[in-house]
Amino acid sequence: MSHNKERILILNEVRRGELEIPDAITRLQALSARPETPEHQSKQDNTNRELRILRTDLESVTVLMDIRLPINLLDAAERVGANFAPYLALIPTETMQDCITKPGTHKLVDVLHAEGSEHLEIFLE
C-alpha cells in the first residue's frame, strides 16, 4: 500500500474516533521515516498536484482562505495538519484515494455553511 493511502487511512481512523491524535502522529511519523518502495513511486506522478482549500465570504465576496498544499510534500503538511483537520475531515476517504490516482482537477468538497455566508471548496489539482 502506498504511503498516501496509509496516511488517508490513519486520518480516517482519527476522524471516526477510532484512533487518538497522539497515536496518529506517531504512526504518521513512522510512516514518513519509512522509504517508499520504488514500485509505488513509479505508479503515481504527483509532482505537480496540489490540495487546495478555498473559503469565501459570500456577502463581501472576499476570499477568507486560499491554501495550496503540494501532494508530494504531504510529510511536511502533516506536521501542520492539525490546522487543517476540520477541513480534511470533510473529504470522504474513498473520494480522496480515488482522485489521487487520477490526473486532473477534482472538487472534493463544496459546502455552503448554514450559520454564516461562507462557501468552502476543497480541490485536488
PDB file of N, CA and C in Angstrom:
ATOM      1  N   MET A   1       0.846  -1.179   0.000  1.00  0.00           N
ATOM      2  CA  MET A   1       0.000   0.000   0.000  1.00  0.00           C
ATOM      3  C   MET A   1       0.894   1.246   0.000  1.00  0.00           C
ATOM      4  N   SER A   2       0.513   2.244  -0.777  1.00  0.00           N
ATOM      5  CA  SER A   2       1.323   3.457  -0.862  1.00  0.00           C
ATOM      6  C   SER A   2       1.234   4.273   0.426  1.00  0.00           C
ATOM      7  N   HIS A   3       2.222   5.120   0.609  1.00  0.00           N
ATOM      8  CA  HIS A   3       2.257   5.969   1.804  1.00  0.00           C
ATOM      9  C   HIS A   3       1.023   6.873   1.863  1.00  0.00           C
ATOM     10  N   ASN A   4       0.623   7.428   0.712  1.00  0.00           N
ATOM     11  CA  ASN A   4      -0.540   8.327   0.704  1.00  0.00           C
ATOM     12  C   ASN A   4      -1.798   7.608   1.148  1.00  0.00           C
ATOM     13  N   LYS A   5      -1.998   6.365   0.682  1.00  0.00           N
ATOM     14  CA  LYS A   5      -3.181   5.606   1.079  1.00  0.00           C
ATOM     15  C   LYS A   5      -3.130   5.287   2.568  1.00  0.00           C
ATOM     16  N   GLU A   6      -1.954   4.954   3.081  1.00  0.00           N
ATOM     17  CA  GLU A   6      -1.816   4.675   4.511  1.00  0.00           C
ATOM     18  C   GLU A   6      -2.109   5.929   5.335  1.00  0.00           C
ATOM     19  N   ARG A   7      -1.636   7.087   4.861  1.00  0.00           N
ATOM     20  CA  ARG A   7      -1.907   8.350   5.561  1.00  0.00           C
ATOM     21  C   ARG A   7      -3.411   8.620   5.615  1.00  0.00           C
ATOM     22  N   ILE A   8      -4.077   8.398   4.499  1.00  0.00           N
ATOM     23  CA  ILE A   8      -5.513   8.639   4.428  1.00  0.00           C
ATOM     24  C   ILE A   8      -6.255   7.711   5.383  1.00  0.00           C
ATOM     25  N   LEU A   9      -5.840   6.456   5.442  1.00  0.00           N
ATOM     26  CA  LEU A   9      -6.480   5.513   6.356  1.00  0.00           C
ATOM     27  C   LEU A   9      -6.295   5.938   7.811  1.00  0.00           C
ATOM     28  N   ILE A  10      -5.104   6.404   8.156  1.00  0.00           N
ATOM     29  CA  ILE A  10      -4.833   6.861   9.523  1.00  0.00           C
ATOM     30  C   ILE A  10      -5.707   8.065   9.854  1.00  0.00           C
ATOM     31  N   LEU A  11      -5.763   9.043   8.947  1.00  0.00           N
ATOM     32  CA  LEU A  11      -6.570  10.244   9.181  1.00  0.00           C
ATOM     33  C   LEU A  11      -8.058   9.893   9.273  1.00  0.00           C
ATOM     34  N   ASN A  12      -8.489   8.912   8.493  1.00  0.00           N
ATOM     35  CA  ASN A  12      -9.883   8.483   8.556  1.00  0.00           C
ATOM     36  C   ASN A  12     -10.192   7.838   9.905  1.00  0.00           C
ATOM     37  N   GLU A  13      -9.244   7.071  10.463  1.00  0.00           N
ATOM     38  CA  GLU A  13      -9.435   6.474  11.784  1.00  0.00           C
ATOM     39  C   GLU A  13      -9.577   7.559  12.854  1.00  0.00           C
ATOM     40  N   VAL A  14      -8.812   8.636  12.720  1.00  0.00           N
ATOM     41  CA  VAL A  14      -8.916   9.752  13.670  1.00  0.00           C
ATOM     42  C   VAL A  14     -10.285  10.405  13.537  1.00  0.00           C
ATOM     43  N   ARG A  15     -10.711  10.617  12.319  1.00  0.00           N
ATOM     44  CA  ARG A  15     -11.998  11.261  12.062  1.00  0.00           C
ATOM     45  C   ARG A  15     -13.154  10.460  12.645  1.00  0.00           C
ATOM     46  N   ARG A  16     -13.075   9.123  12.564  1.00  0.00           N
ATOM     47  CA  ARG A  16     -14.132   8.265  13.102  1.00  0.00           C
ATOM     48  C   ARG A  16     -14.007   8.064  14.605  1.00  0.00           C
ATOM     49  N   GLY A  17     -12.928   8.581  15.219  1.00  0.00           N
ATOM     50  CA  GLY A  17     -12.733   8.438  16.653  1.00  0.00           C
ATOM     51  C   GLY A  17     -12.138   7.106  17.054  1.00  0.00           C
ATOM     52  N   GLU A  18     -11.620   6.342  16.106  1.00  0.00           N
ATOM     53  CA  GLU A  18     -11.032   5.040  16.383  1.00  0.00           C
ATOM     54  C   GLU A  18      -9.563   5.138  16.803  1.00  0.00           C
ATOM     55  N   LEU A  19      -8.957   6.296  16.596  1.00  0.00           N
ATOM     56  CA  LEU A  19      -7.545   6.488  16.879  1.00  0.00           C
ATOM     57  C   LEU A  19      -7.349   7.863  17.504  1.00  0.00           C
ATOM     58  N   GLU A  20      -6.586   7.913  18.599  1.00  0.00           N
ATOM     59  CA  GLU A  20      -6.298   9.173  19.264  1.00  0.00           C
ATOM     60  C   GLU A  20      -5.236   9.946  18.474  1.00  0.00           C
ATOM     61  N   ILE A  21      -5.246  11.261  18.565  1.00  0.00           N
ATOM     62  CA  ILE A  21      -4.323  12.106  17.803  1.00  0.00           C
ATOM     63  C   ILE A  21      -2.855  11.798  18.106  1.00  0.00           C
ATOM     64  N   PRO A  22      -2.441  11.635  19.382  1.00  0.00           N
ATOM     65  CA  PRO A  22      -1.020  11.316  19.627  1.00  0.00           C
ATOM     66  C   PRO A  22      -0.589  10.004  18.956  1.00  0.00           C
ATOM     67  N   ASP A  23      -1.483   9.002  18.947  1.00  0.00           N
ATOM     68  CA  ASP A  23      -1.170   7.737  18.285  1.00  0.00           C
ATOM     69  C   ASP A  23      -1.074   7.920  16.767  1.00  0.00           C
ATOM     70  N   ALA A  24      -1.956   8.746  16.232  1.00  0.00           N
ATOM     71  CA  ALA A  24      -1.926   9.019  14.794  1.00  0.00           C
ATOM     72  C   ALA A  24      -0.634   9.730  14.414  1.00  0.00           C
ATOM     73  N   ILE A  25      -0.208  10.687  15.227  1.00  0.00           N
ATOM     74  CA  ILE A  25       1.044  11.403  14.951  1.00  0.00           C
ATOM     75  C   ILE A  25       2.206  10.434  14.951  1.00  0.00           C
ATOM     76  N   THR A  26       2.238   9.527  15.923  1.00  0.00           N
ATOM     77  CA  THR A  26       3.316   8.529  15.995  1.00  0.00           C
ATOM     78  C   THR A  26       3.313   7.655  14.749  1.00  0.00           C
ATOM     79  N   ARG A  27       2.130   7.198  14.328  1.00  0.00           N
ATOM     80  CA  ARG A  27       2.044   6.344  13.142  1.00  0.00           C
ATOM     81  C   ARG A  27       2.440   7.101  11.879  1.00  0.00           C
ATOM     82  N   LEU A  28       2.024   8.364  11.760  1.00  0.00           N
ATOM     83  CA  LEU A  28       2.380   9.159  10.585  1.00  0.00           C
ATOM     84  C   LEU A  28       3.878   9.443  10.525  1.00  0.00           C
ATOM     85  N   GLN A  29       4.487   9.700  11.689  1.00  0.00           N
ATOM     86  CA  GLN A  29       5.929   9.930  11.718  1.00  0.00           C
ATOM     87  C   GLN A  29       6.685   8.664  11.342  1.00  0.00           C
ATOM     88  N   ALA A  30       6.233   7.521  11.833  1.00  0.00           N
ATOM     89  CA  ALA A  30       6.877   6.251  11.484  1.00  0.00           C
ATOM     90  C   ALA A  30       6.733   5.975   9.986  1.00  0.00           C
ATOM     91  N   LEU A  31       5.584   6.293   9.451  1.00  0.00           N
ATOM     92  CA  LEU A  31       5.353   6.111   8.022  1.00  0.00           C
ATOM     93  C   LEU A  31       6.267   7.029   7.205  1.00  0.00           C
ATOM     94  N   SER A  32       6.435   8.272   7.657  1.00  0.00           N
ATOM     95  CA  SER A  32       7.304   9.222   6.952  1.00  0.00           C
ATOM     96  C   SER A  32       8.761   8.789   6.989  1.00  0.00           C
ATOM     97  N   ALA A  33       9.166   8.120   8.061  1.00  0.00           N
ATOM     98  CA  ALA A  33      10.552   7.673   8.190  1.00  0.00           C
ATOM     99  C   ALA A  33      10.842   6.460   7.312  1.00  0.00           C
ATOM    100  N   ARG A  34       9.800   5.733   6.937  1.00  0.00           N
ATOM    101  CA  ARG A  34       9.958   4.529   6.115  1.00  0.00           C
ATOM    102  C   ARG A  34      10.030   4.924   4.641  1.00  0.00           C
ATOM    103  N   PRO A  35      11.017   4.429   3.902  1.00  0.00           N
ATOM    104  CA  PRO A  35      11.114   4.793   2.479  1.00  0.00           C
ATOM    105  C   PRO A  35       9.975   4.182   1.667  1.00  0.00           C
ATOM    106  N   GLU A  36       9.533   4.919   0.696  1.00  0.00           N
ATOM    107  CA  GLU A  36       8.500   4.449  -0.224  1.00  0.00           C
ATOM    108  C   GLU A  36       9.143   3.443  -1.170  1.00  0.00           C
ATOM    109  N   THR A  37       8.446   2.364  -1.472  1.00  0.00           N
ATOM    110  CA  THR A  37       9.001   1.371  -2.389  1.00  0.00           C
ATOM    111  C   THR A  37       8.962   1.919  -3.811  1.00  0.00           C
ATOM    112  N   PRO A  38       9.970   1.615  -4.625  1.00  0.00           N
ATOM    113  CA  PRO A  38      10.027   2.158  -5.987  1.00  0.00           C
ATOM    114  C   PRO A  38       8.814   1.825  -6.838  1.00  0.00           C
ATOM    115  N   GLU A  39       8.201   0.648  -6.655  1.00  0.00           N
ATOM    116  CA  GLU A  39       7.052   0.295  -7.487  1.00  0.00           C
ATOM    117  C   GLU A  39       5.876   1.234  -7.248  1.00  0.00           C
ATOM    118  N   HIS A  40       5.684   1.724  -6.013  1.00  0.00           N
ATOM    119  CA  HIS A  40       4.610   2.677  -5.744  1.00  0.00           C
ATOM    120  C   HIS A  40       4.955   4.051  -6.279  1.00  0.00           C
ATOM    121  N   GLN A  41       6.205   4.413  -6.230  1.00  0.00           N
ATOM    122  CA  GLN A  41       6.605   5.723  -6.718  1.00  0.00           C
ATOM    123  C   GLN A  41       6.407   5.835  -8.222  1.00  0.00           C
ATOM    124  N   SER A  42       6.678   4.766  -8.949  1.00  0.00           N
ATOM    125  CA  SER A  42       6.558   4.831 -10.396  1.00  0.00           C
ATOM    126  C   SER A  42       5.098   4.810 -10.858  1.00  0.00           C
ATOM    127  N   LYS A  43       4.175   4.277 -10.037  1.00  0.00           N
ATOM    128  CA  LYS A  43       2.769   4.217 -10.410  1.00  0.00           C
ATOM    129  C   LYS A  43       2.123   5.592 -10.446  1.00  0.00           C
ATOM    130  N   GLN A  44       2.508   6.467  -9.528  1.00  0.00           N
ATOM    131  CA  GLN A  44       1.854   7.764  -9.421  1.00  0.00           C
ATOM    132  C   GLN A  44       2.882   8.879  -9.573  1.00  0.00           C
ATOM    133  N   ASP A  45       2.541   9.842 -10.407  1.00  0.00           N
ATOM    134  CA  ASP A  45       3.395  11.006 -10.538  1.00  0.00           C
ATOM    135  C   ASP A  45       2.612  12.210 -10.039  1.00  0.00           C
ATOM    136  N   ASN A  46       2.815  12.542  -8.765  1.00  0.00           N
ATOM    137  CA  ASN A  46       2.083  13.645  -8.137  1.00  0.00           C
ATOM    138  C   ASN A  46       2.965  14.882  -7.985  1.00  0.00           C
ATOM    139  N   THR A  47       3.970  15.027  -8.824  1.00  0.00           N
ATOM    140  CA  THR A  47       4.930  16.109  -8.636  1.00  0.00           C
ATOM    141  C   THR A  47       4.300  17.495  -8.738  1.00  0.00           C
ATOM    142  N   ASN A  48       3.262  17.651  -9.543  1.00  0.00           N
ATOM    143  CA  ASN A  48       2.657  18.971  -9.714  1.00  0.00           C
ATOM    144  C   ASN A  48       1.243  19.057  -9.151  1.00  0.00           C
ATOM    145  N   ARG A  49       0.824  18.084  -8.353  1.00  0.00           N
ATOM    146  CA  ARG A  49      -0.535  18.076  -7.826  1.00  0.00           C
ATOM    147  C   ARG A  49      -0.596  18.811  -6.503  1.00  0.00           C
ATOM    148  N   GLU A  50      -1.733  19.451  -6.233  1.00  0.00           N
ATOM    149  CA  GLU A  50      -1.920  20.221  -5.009  1.00  0.00           C
ATOM    150  C   GLU A  50      -3.301  19.952  -4.430  1.00  0.00           C
ATOM    151  N   LEU A  51      -3.373  19.998  -3.100  1.00  0.00           N
ATOM    152  CA  LEU A  51      -4.650  20.013  -2.403  1.00  0.00           C
ATOM    153  C   LEU A  51      -4.932  21.485  -2.110  1.00  0.00           C
ATOM    154  N   ARG A  52      -6.066  21.996  -2.598  1.00  0.00           N
ATOM    155  CA  ARG A  52      -6.388  23.419  -2.449  1.00  0.00           C
ATOM    156  C   ARG A  52      -7.630  23.577  -1.585  1.00  0.00           C
ATOM    157  N   ILE A  53      -7.521  24.427  -0.573  1.00  0.00           N
ATOM    158  CA  ILE A  53      -8.642  24.741   0.306  1.00  0.00           C
ATOM    159  C   ILE A  53      -8.999  26.202   0.069  1.00  0.00           C
ATOM    160  N   LEU A  54     -10.222  26.434  -0.399  1.00  0.00           N
ATOM    161  CA  LEU A  54     -10.682  27.782  -0.734  1.00  0.00           C
ATOM    162  C   LEU A  54     -11.942  28.072   0.070  1.00  0.00           C
ATOM    163  N   ARG A  55     -11.883  29.108   0.919  1.00  0.00           N
ATOM    164  CA  ARG A  55     -13.019  29.521   1.749  1.00  0.00           C
ATOM    165  C   ARG A  55     -13.350  30.965   1.424  1.00  0.00           C
ATOM    166  N   THR A  56     -14.606  31.225   1.072  1.00  0.00           N
ATOM    167  CA  THR A  56     -15.025  32.543   0.600  1.00  0.00           C
ATOM    168  C   THR A  56     -16.207  33.055   1.406  1.00  0.00           C
ATOM    169  N   ASP A  57     -16.195  34.352   1.737  1.00  0.00           N
ATOM    170  CA  ASP A  57     -17.334  35.015   2.363  1.00  0.00           C
ATOM    171  C   ASP A  57     -18.239  35.483   1.231  1.00  0.00           C
ATOM    172  N   LEU A  58     -19.464  34.959   1.194  1.00  0.00           N
ATOM    173  CA  LEU A  58     -20.362  35.268   0.086  1.00  0.00           C
ATOM    174  C   LEU A  58     -20.936  36.675   0.152  1.00  0.00           C
ATOM    175  N   GLU A  59     -21.078  37.242   1.353  1.00  0.00           N
ATOM    176  CA  GLU A  59     -21.640  38.588   1.467  1.00  0.00           C
ATOM    177  C   GLU A  59     -20.682  39.646   0.943  1.00  0.00           C
ATOM    178  N   SER A  60     -19.432  39.571   1.369  1.00  0.00           N
ATOM    179  CA  SER A  60     -18.456  40.570   0.932  1.00  0.00           C
ATOM    180  C   SER A  60     -17.670  40.122  -0.293  1.00  0.00           C
ATOM    181  N   VAL A  61     -17.899  38.900  -0.736  1.00  0.00           N
ATOM    182  CA  VAL A  61     -17.212  38.301  -1.871  1.00  0.00           C
ATOM    183  C   VAL A  61     -15.685  38.415  -1.701  1.00  0.00           C
ATOM    184  N   THR A  62     -15.226  38.093  -0.518  1.00  0.00           N
ATOM    185  CA  THR A  62     -13.790  38.104  -0.260  1.00  0.00           C
ATOM    186  C   THR A  62     -13.325  36.686   0.063  1.00  0.00           C
ATOM    187  N   VAL A  63     -12.112  36.414  -0.320  1.00  0.00           N
ATOM    188  CA  VAL A  63     -11.513  35.111  -0.042  1.00  0.00           C
ATOM    189  C   VAL A  63     -10.978  35.143   1.383  1.00  0.00           C
ATOM    190  N   LEU A  64     -11.474  34.243   2.219  1.00  0.00           N
ATOM    191  CA  LEU A  64     -11.026  34.158   3.605  1.00  0.00           C
ATOM    192  C   LEU A  64      -9.807  33.248   3.737  1.00  0.00           C
ATOM    193  N   MET A  65      -9.721  32.249   2.874  1.00  0.00           N
ATOM    194  CA  MET A  65      -8.608  31.313   2.923  1.00  0.00           C
ATOM    195  C   MET A  65      -8.407  30.726   1.531  1.00  0.00           C
ATOM    196  N   ASP A  66      -7.173  30.710   1.075  1.00  0.00           N
ATOM    197  CA  ASP A  66      -6.819  30.057  -0.183  1.00  0.00           C
ATOM    198  C   ASP A  66      -5.459  29.411   0.032  1.00  0.00           C
ATOM    199  N   ILE A  67      -5.486  28.125   0.364  1.00  0.00           N
ATOM    200  CA  ILE A  67      -4.259  27.412   0.723  1.00  0.00           C
ATOM    201  C   ILE A  67      -4.036  26.294  -0.279  1.00  0.00           C
ATOM    202  N   ARG A  68      -2.799  26.153  -0.716  1.00  0.00           N
ATOM    203  CA  ARG A  68      -2.413  25.075  -1.625  1.00  0.00           C
ATOM    204  C   ARG A  68      -1.323  24.250  -0.959  1.00  0.00           C
ATOM    205  N   LEU A  69      -1.577  22.948  -0.809  1.00  0.00           N
ATOM    206  CA  LEU A  69      -0.605  22.035  -0.212  1.00  0.00           C
ATOM    207  C   LEU A  69      -0.141  21.060  -1.292  1.00  0.00           C
ATOM    208  N   PRO A  70       1.131  21.112  -1.685  1.00  0.00           N
ATOM    209  CA  PRO A  70       1.630  20.166  -2.694  1.00  0.00           C
ATOM    210  C   PRO A  70       1.515  18.727  -2.185  1.00  0.00           C
ATOM    211  N   ILE A  71       0.971  17.864  -3.021  1.00  0.00           N
ATOM    212  CA  ILE A  71       0.777  16.464  -2.648  1.00  0.00           C
ATOM    213  C   ILE A  71       2.120  15.798  -2.344  1.00  0.00           C
ATOM    214  N   ASN A  72       3.166  16.136  -3.098  1.00  0.00           N
ATOM    215  CA  ASN A  72       4.458  15.490  -2.862  1.00  0.00           C
ATOM    216  C   ASN A  72       5.138  16.003  -1.596  1.00  0.00           C
ATOM    217  N   LEU A  73       4.542  16.967  -0.918  1.00  0.00           N
ATOM    218  CA  LEU A  73       5.080  17.461   0.356  1.00  0.00           C
ATOM    219  C   LEU A  73       4.125  17.153   1.506  1.00  0.00           C
ATOM    220  N   LEU A  74       3.380  16.063   1.394  1.00  0.00           N
ATOM    221  CA  LEU A  74       2.420  15.717   2.441  1.00  0.00           C
ATOM    222  C   LEU A  74       3.091  15.488   3.786  1.00  0.00           C
ATOM    223  N   ASP A  75       4.352  15.026   3.774  1.00  0.00           N
ATOM    224  CA  ASP A  75       5.053  14.816   5.042  1.00  0.00           C
ATOM    225  C   ASP A  75       5.127  16.122   5.829  1.00  0.00           C
ATOM    226  N   ALA A  76       5.516  17.196   5.158  1.00  0.00           N
ATOM    227  CA  ALA A  76       5.596  18.491   5.832  1.00  0.00           C
ATOM    228  C   ALA A  76       4.205  19.005   6.187  1.00  0.00           C
ATOM    229  N   ALA A  77       3.246  18.750   5.320  1.00  0.00           N
ATOM    230  CA  ALA A  77       1.879  19.207   5.575  1.00  0.00           C
ATOM    231  C   ALA A  77       1.287  18.508   6.798  1.00  0.00           C
ATOM    232  N   GLU A  78       1.700  17.264   7.050  1.00  0.00           N
ATOM    233  CA  GLU A  78       1.200  16.550   8.225  1.00  0.00           C
ATOM    234  C   GLU A  78       1.621  17.251   9.512  1.00  0.00           C
ATOM    235  N   ARG A  79       2.792  17.845   9.510  1.00  0.00           N
ATOM    236  CA  ARG A  79       3.280  18.496  10.723  1.00  0.00           C
ATOM    237  C   ARG A  79       2.435  19.718  11.088  1.00  0.00           C
ATOM    238  N   VAL A  80       1.849  20.345  10.098  1.00  0.00           N
ATOM    239  CA  VAL A  80       0.968  21.479  10.365  1.00  0.00           C
ATOM    240  C   VAL A  80      -0.490  21.099  10.120  1.00  0.00           C
ATOM    241  N   GLY A  81      -0.724  19.816   9.903  1.00  0.00           N
ATOM    242  CA  GLY A  81      -2.041  19.313   9.538  1.00  0.00           C
ATOM    243  C   GLY A  81      -3.133  19.552  10.560  1.00  0.00           C
ATOM    244  N   ALA A  82      -2.754  19.725  11.828  1.00  0.00           N
ATOM    245  CA  ALA A  82      -3.773  19.953  12.858  1.00  0.00           C
ATOM    246  C   ALA A  82      -4.591  21.193  12.526  1.00  0.00           C
ATOM    247  N   ASN A  83      -3.976  22.169  11.868  1.00  0.00           N
ATOM    248  CA  ASN A  83      -4.691  23.392  11.483  1.00  0.00           C
ATOM    249  C   ASN A  83      -5.762  23.113  10.425  1.00  0.00           C
ATOM    250  N   PHE A  84      -5.560  22.063   9.635  1.00  0.00           N
ATOM    251  CA  PHE A  84      -6.477  21.766   8.542  1.00  0.00           C
ATOM    252  C   PHE A  84      -7.402  20.592   8.838  1.00  0.00           C
ATOM    253  N   ALA A  85      -7.287  19.999  10.017  1.00  0.00           N
ATOM    254  CA  ALA A  85      -8.072  18.809  10.361  1.00  0.00           C
ATOM    255  C   ALA A  85      -9.570  19.004  10.155  1.00  0.00           C
ATOM    256  N   PRO A  86     -10.157  20.141  10.556  1.00  0.00           N
ATOM    257  CA  PRO A  86     -11.608  20.302  10.334  1.00  0.00           C
ATOM    258  C   PRO A  86     -11.985  20.264   8.851  1.00  0.00           C
ATOM    259  N   TYR A  87     -11.090  20.747   8.011  1.00  0.00           N
ATOM    260  CA  TYR A  87     -11.370  20.760   6.577  1.00  0.00           C
ATOM    261  C   TYR A  87     -11.143  19.383   5.966  1.00  0.00           C
ATOM    262  N   LEU A  88     -10.061  18.729   6.363  1.00  0.00           N
ATOM    263  CA  LEU A  88      -9.748  17.409   5.826  1.00  0.00           C
ATOM    264  C   LEU A  88     -10.783  16.372   6.252  1.00  0.00           C
ATOM    265  N   ALA A  89     -11.412  16.571   7.401  1.00  0.00           N
ATOM    266  CA  ALA A  89     -12.440  15.639   7.873  1.00  0.00           C
ATOM    267  C   ALA A  89     -13.668  15.650   6.957  1.00  0.00           C
ATOM    268  N   LEU A  90     -13.828  16.694   6.174  1.00  0.00           N
ATOM    269  CA  LEU A  90     -14.964  16.789   5.256  1.00  0.00           C
ATOM    270  C   LEU A  90     -14.772  15.968   3.984  1.00  0.00           C
ATOM    271  N   ILE A  91     -13.545  15.537   3.730  1.00  0.00           N
ATOM    272  CA  ILE A  91     -13.245  14.800   2.496  1.00  0.00           C
ATOM    273  C   ILE A  91     -13.472  13.311   2.726  1.00  0.00           C
ATOM    274  N   PRO A  92     -14.384  12.697   1.979  1.00  0.00           N
ATOM    275  CA  PRO A  92     -14.580  11.252   2.104  1.00  0.00           C
ATOM    276  C   PRO A  92     -13.292  10.510   1.709  1.00  0.00           C
ATOM    277  N   THR A  93     -12.903   9.528   2.506  1.00  0.00           N
ATOM    278  CA  THR A  93     -11.654   8.801   2.282  1.00  0.00           C
ATOM    279  C   THR A  93     -11.614   8.162   0.900  1.00  0.00           C
ATOM    280  N   GLU A  94     -12.703   7.541   0.509  1.00  0.00           N
ATOM    281  CA  GLU A  94     -12.734   6.860  -0.787  1.00  0.00           C
ATOM    282  C   GLU A  94     -12.551   7.859  -1.934  1.00  0.00           C
ATOM    283  N   THR A  95     -13.145   9.029  -1.795  1.00  0.00           N
ATOM    284  CA  THR A  95     -13.023  10.061  -2.822  1.00  0.00           C
ATOM    285  C   THR A  95     -11.570  10.509  -2.959  1.00  0.00           C
ATOM    286  N   MET A  96     -10.911  10.752  -1.825  1.00  0.00           N
ATOM    287  CA  MET A  96      -9.520  11.192  -1.848  1.00  0.00           C
ATOM    288  C   MET A  96      -8.639  10.126  -2.491  1.00  0.00           C
ATOM    289  N   GLN A  97      -8.807   8.878  -2.095  1.00  0.00           N
ATOM    290  CA  GLN A  97      -7.998   7.790  -2.651  1.00  0.00           C
ATOM    291  C   GLN A  97      -8.207   7.677  -4.149  1.00  0.00           C
ATOM    292  N   ASP A  98      -9.439   7.780  -4.577  1.00  0.00           N
ATOM    293  CA  ASP A  98      -9.751   7.665  -5.998  1.00  0.00           C
ATOM    294  C   ASP A  98      -9.162   8.822  -6.794  1.00  0.00           C
ATOM    295  N   CYS A  99      -9.291  10.038  -6.296  1.00  0.00           N
ATOM    296  CA  CYS A  99      -8.828  11.224  -7.020  1.00  0.00           C
ATOM    297  C   CYS A  99      -7.306  11.325  -7.075  1.00  0.00           C
ATOM    298  N   ILE A 100      -6.619  10.853  -6.055  1.00  0.00           N
ATOM    299  CA  ILE A 100      -5.148  10.914  -6.062  1.00  0.00           C
ATOM    300  C   ILE A 100      -4.588  10.091  -7.204  1.00  0.00           C
ATOM    301  N   THR A 101      -5.244   8.999  -7.544  1.00  0.00           N
ATOM    302  CA  THR A 101      -4.726   8.130  -8.600  1.00  0.00           C
ATOM    303  C   THR A 101      -5.086   8.608 -10.000  1.00  0.00           C
ATOM    304  N   LYS A 102      -5.975   9.581 -10.116  1.00  0.00           N
ATOM    305  CA  LYS A 102      -6.411  10.066 -11.429  1.00  0.00           C
ATOM    306  C   LYS A 102      -5.865  11.469 -11.683  1.00  0.00           C
ATOM    307  N   PRO A 103      -5.372  11.728 -12.899  1.00  0.00           N
ATOM    308  CA  PRO A 103      -4.895  13.079 -13.211  1.00  0.00           C
ATOM    309  C   PRO A 103      -6.065  14.051 -13.351  1.00  0.00           C
ATOM    310  N   GLY A 104      -5.741  15.330 -13.295  1.00  0.00           N
ATOM    311  CA  GLY A 104      -6.758  16.350 -13.483  1.00  0.00           C
ATOM    312  C   GLY A 104      -7.156  17.023 -12.191  1.00  0.00           C
ATOM    313  N   THR A 105      -8.097  17.960 -12.306  1.00  0.00           N
ATOM    314  CA  THR A 105      -8.601  18.699 -11.156  1.00  0.00           C
ATOM    315  C   THR A 105      -9.901  18.050 -10.679  1.00  0.00           C
ATOM    316  N   HIS A 106      -9.981  17.840  -9.373  1.00  0.00           N
ATOM    317  CA  HIS A 106     -11.164  17.221  -8.784  1.00  0.00           C
ATOM    318  C   HIS A 106     -11.668  18.089  -7.632  1.00  0.00           C
ATOM    319  N   LYS A 107     -12.972  18.377  -7.620  1.00  0.00           N
ATOM    320  CA  LYS A 107     -13.566  19.099  -6.497  1.00  0.00           C
ATOM    321  C   LYS A 107     -13.973  18.051  -5.470  1.00  0.00           C
ATOM    322  N   LEU A 108     -13.333  18.104  -4.287  1.00  0.00           N
ATOM    323  CA  LEU A 108     -13.571  17.117  -3.248  1.00  0.00           C
ATOM    324  C   LEU A 108     -14.678  17.537  -2.290  1.00  0.00           C
ATOM    325  N   VAL A 109     -14.794  18.846  -2.043  1.00  0.00           N
ATOM    326  CA  VAL A 109     -15.790  19.367  -1.107  1.00  0.00           C
ATOM    327  C   VAL A 109     -16.337  20.673  -1.671  1.00  0.00           C
ATOM    328  N   ASP A 110     -17.649  20.849  -1.546  1.00  0.00           N
ATOM    329  CA  ASP A 110     -18.309  22.096  -1.946  1.00  0.00           C
ATOM    330  C   ASP A 110     -19.456  22.304  -0.959  1.00  0.00           C
ATOM    331  N   VAL A 111     -19.230  23.174   0.045  1.00  0.00           N
ATOM    332  CA  VAL A 111     -20.181  23.327   1.143  1.00  0.00           C
ATOM    333  C   VAL A 111     -20.517  24.798   1.356  1.00  0.00           C
ATOM    334  N   LEU A 112     -21.812  25.090   1.515  1.00  0.00           N
ATOM    335  CA  LEU A 112     -22.265  26.410   1.957  1.00  0.00           C
ATOM    336  C   LEU A 112     -22.600  26.267   3.432  1.00  0.00           C
ATOM    337  N   HIS A 113     -21.968  27.070   4.294  1.00  0.00           N
ATOM    338  CA  HIS A 113     -22.204  26.991   5.734  1.00  0.00           C
ATOM    339  C   HIS A 113     -23.513  27.687   6.085  1.00  0.00           C
ATOM    340  N   ALA A 114     -24.365  26.984   6.822  1.00  0.00           N
ATOM    341  CA  ALA A 114     -25.689  27.494   7.169  1.00  0.00           C
ATOM    342  C   ALA A 114     -25.627  28.668   8.137  1.00  0.00           C
ATOM    343  N   GLU A 115     -24.707  28.611   9.130  1.00  0.00           N
ATOM    344  CA  GLU A 115     -24.675  29.663  10.151  1.00  0.00           C
ATOM    345  C   GLU A 115     -24.094  30.985   9.639  1.00  0.00           C
ATOM    346  N   GLY A 116     -23.393  30.939   8.582  1.00  0.00           N
ATOM    347  CA  GLY A 116     -22.820  32.161   8.024  1.00  0.00           C
ATOM    348  C   GLY A 116     -23.038  32.181   6.534  1.00  0.00           C
ATOM    349  N   SER A 117     -22.340  33.050   5.920  1.00  0.00           N
ATOM    350  CA  SER A 117     -22.471  33.136   4.469  1.00  0.00           C
ATOM    351  C   SER A 117     -21.140  32.770   3.834  1.00  0.00           C
ATOM    352  N   GLU A 118     -20.580  31.645   4.268  1.00  0.00           N
ATOM    353  CA  GLU A 118     -19.284  31.210   3.758  1.00  0.00           C
ATOM    354  C   GLU A 118     -19.447  30.026   2.824  1.00  0.00           C
ATOM    355  N   HIS A 119     -18.574  29.996   1.844  1.00  0.00           N
ATOM    356  CA  HIS A 119     -18.537  28.924   0.867  1.00  0.00           C
ATOM    357  C   HIS A 119     -17.164  28.255   0.980  1.00  0.00           C
ATOM    358  N   LEU A 120     -17.155  26.943   1.213  1.00  0.00           N
ATOM    359  CA  LEU A 120     -15.910  26.192   1.355  1.00  0.00           C
ATOM    360  C   LEU A 120     -15.786  25.217   0.194  1.00  0.00           C
ATOM    361  N   GLU A 121     -14.644  25.282  -0.495  1.00  0.00           N
ATOM    362  CA  GLU A 121     -14.354  24.364  -1.592  1.00  0.00           C
ATOM    363  C   GLU A 121     -12.974  23.760  -1.356  1.00  0.00           C
ATOM    364  N   ILE A 122     -12.852  22.461  -1.593  1.00  0.00           N
ATOM    365  CA  ILE A 122     -11.558  21.805  -1.497  1.00  0.00           C
ATOM    366  C   ILE A 122     -11.357  21.044  -2.801  1.00  0.00           C
ATOM    367  N   PHE A 123     -10.206  21.295  -3.433  1.00  0.00           N
ATOM    368  CA  PHE A 123      -9.881  20.701  -4.727  1.00  0.00           C
ATOM    369  C   PHE A 123      -8.599  19.881  -4.626  1.00  0.00           C
ATOM    370  N   LEU A 124      -8.475  18.917  -5.494  1.00  0.00           N
ATOM    371  CA  LEU A 124      -7.196  18.265  -5.752  1.00  0.00           C
ATOM    372  C   LEU A 124      -6.853  18.659  -7.175  1.00  0.00           C
ATOM    373  N   GLU A 125      -5.782  19.426  -7.324  1.00  0.00           N
ATOM    374  CA  GLU A 125      -5.415  19.947  -8.657  1.00  0.00           C
ATOM    375  C   GLU A 125      -4.125  19.341  -9.142  1.00  0.00           C
TER     376      GLU A 125
END
